[in-house]
Amino acid sequence: MAIDHNAEADRQARLTVDELRIVLGSHGIKLPSLGRDFGDPPLITLGNCNLATARALVDVLRRA
């Protein structure tokens, strides 16, 4: 059976968006524009955020 690479890439992109939501949420961070951009290959849209959210991301990433 042939693998539909586009379908698999889309599935992986959606799973990654879900994982990002969960992980960011565990740190109290919400990116309202987080989502799947429908390009090929798929892109993840992190989107715009306010200064407080950007600072929270910086803080979490520095501790990682």
C-alpha atoms as a PDB file:
ATOM      1  CA  MET A   1       0.000   0.000   0.000  1.00  0.00           C
ATOM      2  CA  ALA A   2       1.430   3.386  -1.006  1.00  0.00           C
ATOM      3  CA  ILE A   3       1.908   6.045   1.671  1.00  0.00           C
ATOM      4  CA  ASP A   4       0.353   9.431   0.955  1.00  0.00           C
ATOM      5  CA  HIS A   5       3.238  11.683   2.002  1.00  0.00           C
ATOM      6  CA  ASN A   6       1.043  14.777   1.936  1.00  0.00           C
ATOM      7  CA  ALA A   7      -1.474  13.163   4.274  1.00  0.00           C
ATOM      8  CA  GLU A   8       1.308  11.984   6.596  1.00  0.00           C
ATOM      9  CA  ALA A   9       2.957  15.427   6.637  1.00  0.00           C
ATOM     10  CA  ASP A  10      -0.420  16.999   7.417  1.00  0.00           C
ATOM     11  CA  ARG A  11      -1.012  14.495  10.230  1.00  0.00           C
ATOM     12  CA  GLN A  12       2.420  15.199  11.702  1.00  0.00           C
ATOM     13  CA  ALA A  13       1.833  18.965  11.490  1.00  0.00           C
ATOM     14  CA  ARG A  14      -1.499  18.653  13.297  1.00  0.00           C
ATOM     15  CA  LEU A  15       0.025  16.451  15.995  1.00  0.00           C
ATOM     16  CA  THR A  16       2.851  18.948  16.462  1.00  0.00           C
ATOM     17  CA  VAL A  17       0.385  21.823  16.836  1.00  0.00           C
ATOM     18  CA  ASP A  18      -1.503  19.815  19.473  1.00  0.00           C
ATOM     19  CA  GLU A  19       1.738  19.008  21.315  1.00  0.00           C
ATOM     20  CA  LEU A  20       2.830  22.646  21.241  1.00  0.00           C
ATOM     21  CA  ARG A  21      -0.537  23.722  22.681  1.00  0.00           C
ATOM     22  CA  ILE A  22      -0.206  21.230  25.514  1.00  0.00           C
ATOM     23  CA  VAL A  23       3.435  21.994  26.337  1.00  0.00           C
ATOM     24  CA  LEU A  24       3.030  25.774  26.111  1.00  0.00           C
ATOM     25  CA  GLY A  25      -0.169  25.550  28.151  1.00  0.00           C
ATOM     26  CA  SER A  26       1.679  23.653  30.879  1.00  0.00           C
ATOM     27  CA  HIS A  27       3.785  26.808  31.250  1.00  0.00           C
ATOM     28  CA  GLY A  28       0.767  29.113  31.194  1.00  0.00           C
ATOM     29  CA  ILE A  29       1.499  30.271  27.629  1.00  0.00           C
ATOM     30  CA  LYS A  30      -1.195  30.528  24.963  1.00  0.00           C
ATOM     31  CA  LEU A  31      -0.451  31.489  21.370  1.00  0.00           C
ATOM     32  CA  PRO A  32      -3.868  32.428  19.945  1.00  0.00           C
ATOM     33  CA  SER A  33      -2.698  32.091  16.338  1.00  0.00           C
ATOM     34  CA  LEU A  34      -0.998  28.709  16.783  1.00  0.00           C
ATOM     35  CA  GLY A  35      -2.094  26.445  13.970  1.00  0.00           C
ATOM     36  CA  ARG A  36      -1.348  24.559  10.768  1.00  0.00           C
ATOM     37  CA  ASP A  37      -0.574  26.678   7.719  1.00  0.00           C
ATOM     38  CA  PHE A  38      -1.806  24.927   4.600  1.00  0.00           C
ATOM     39  CA  GLY A  39       1.343  24.986   2.508  1.00  0.00           C
ATOM     40  CA  ASP A  40       3.383  22.186   1.063  1.00  0.00           C
ATOM     41  CA  PRO A  41       5.413  21.221   2.964  1.00  0.00           C
ATOM     42  CA  PRO A  42       3.218  22.057   5.941  1.00  0.00           C
ATOM     43  CA  LEU A  43       4.237  24.958   8.126  1.00  0.00           C
ATOM     44  CA  ILE A  44       3.307  25.635  11.723  1.00  0.00           C
ATOM     45  CA  THR A  45       1.958  29.122  12.319  1.00  0.00           C
ATOM     46  CA  LEU A  46       3.099  30.454  15.663  1.00  0.00           C
ATOM     47  CA  GLY A  47       1.461  33.795  14.952  1.00  0.00           C
ATOM     48  CA  ASN A  48       1.410  37.044  16.790  1.00  0.00           C
ATOM     49  CA  CYS A  49       1.520  37.381  20.546  1.00  0.00           C
ATOM     50  CA  ASN A  50       1.665  40.221  23.016  1.00  0.00           C
ATOM     51  CA  LEU A  51       4.797  41.288  24.861  1.00  0.00           C
ATOM     52  CA  ALA A  52       3.895  39.374  28.029  1.00  0.00           C
ATOM     53  CA  THR A  53       3.551  36.134  26.074  1.00  0.00           C
ATOM     54  CA  ALA A  54       6.826  36.734  24.241  1.00  0.00           C
ATOM     55  CA  ARG A  55       8.602  37.362  27.569  1.00  0.00           C
ATOM     56  CA  ALA A  56       7.074  34.167  29.010  1.00  0.00           C
ATOM     57  CA  LEU A  57       8.434  32.231  26.022  1.00  0.00           C
ATOM     58  CA  VAL A  58      11.884  33.734  26.532  1.00  0.00           C
ATOM     59  CA  ASP A  59      11.816  32.793  30.228  1.00  0.00           C
ATOM     60  CA  VAL A  60      10.744  29.186  29.528  1.00  0.00           C
ATOM     61  CA  LEU A  61      13.306  28.725  26.779  1.00  0.00           C
ATOM     62  CA  ARG A  62      16.108  30.086  28.935  1.00  0.00           C
ATOM     63  CA  ARG A  63      15.274  27.544  31.635  1.00  0.00           C
ATOM     64  CA  ALA A  64      15.130  24.665  29.140  1.00  0.00           C
END
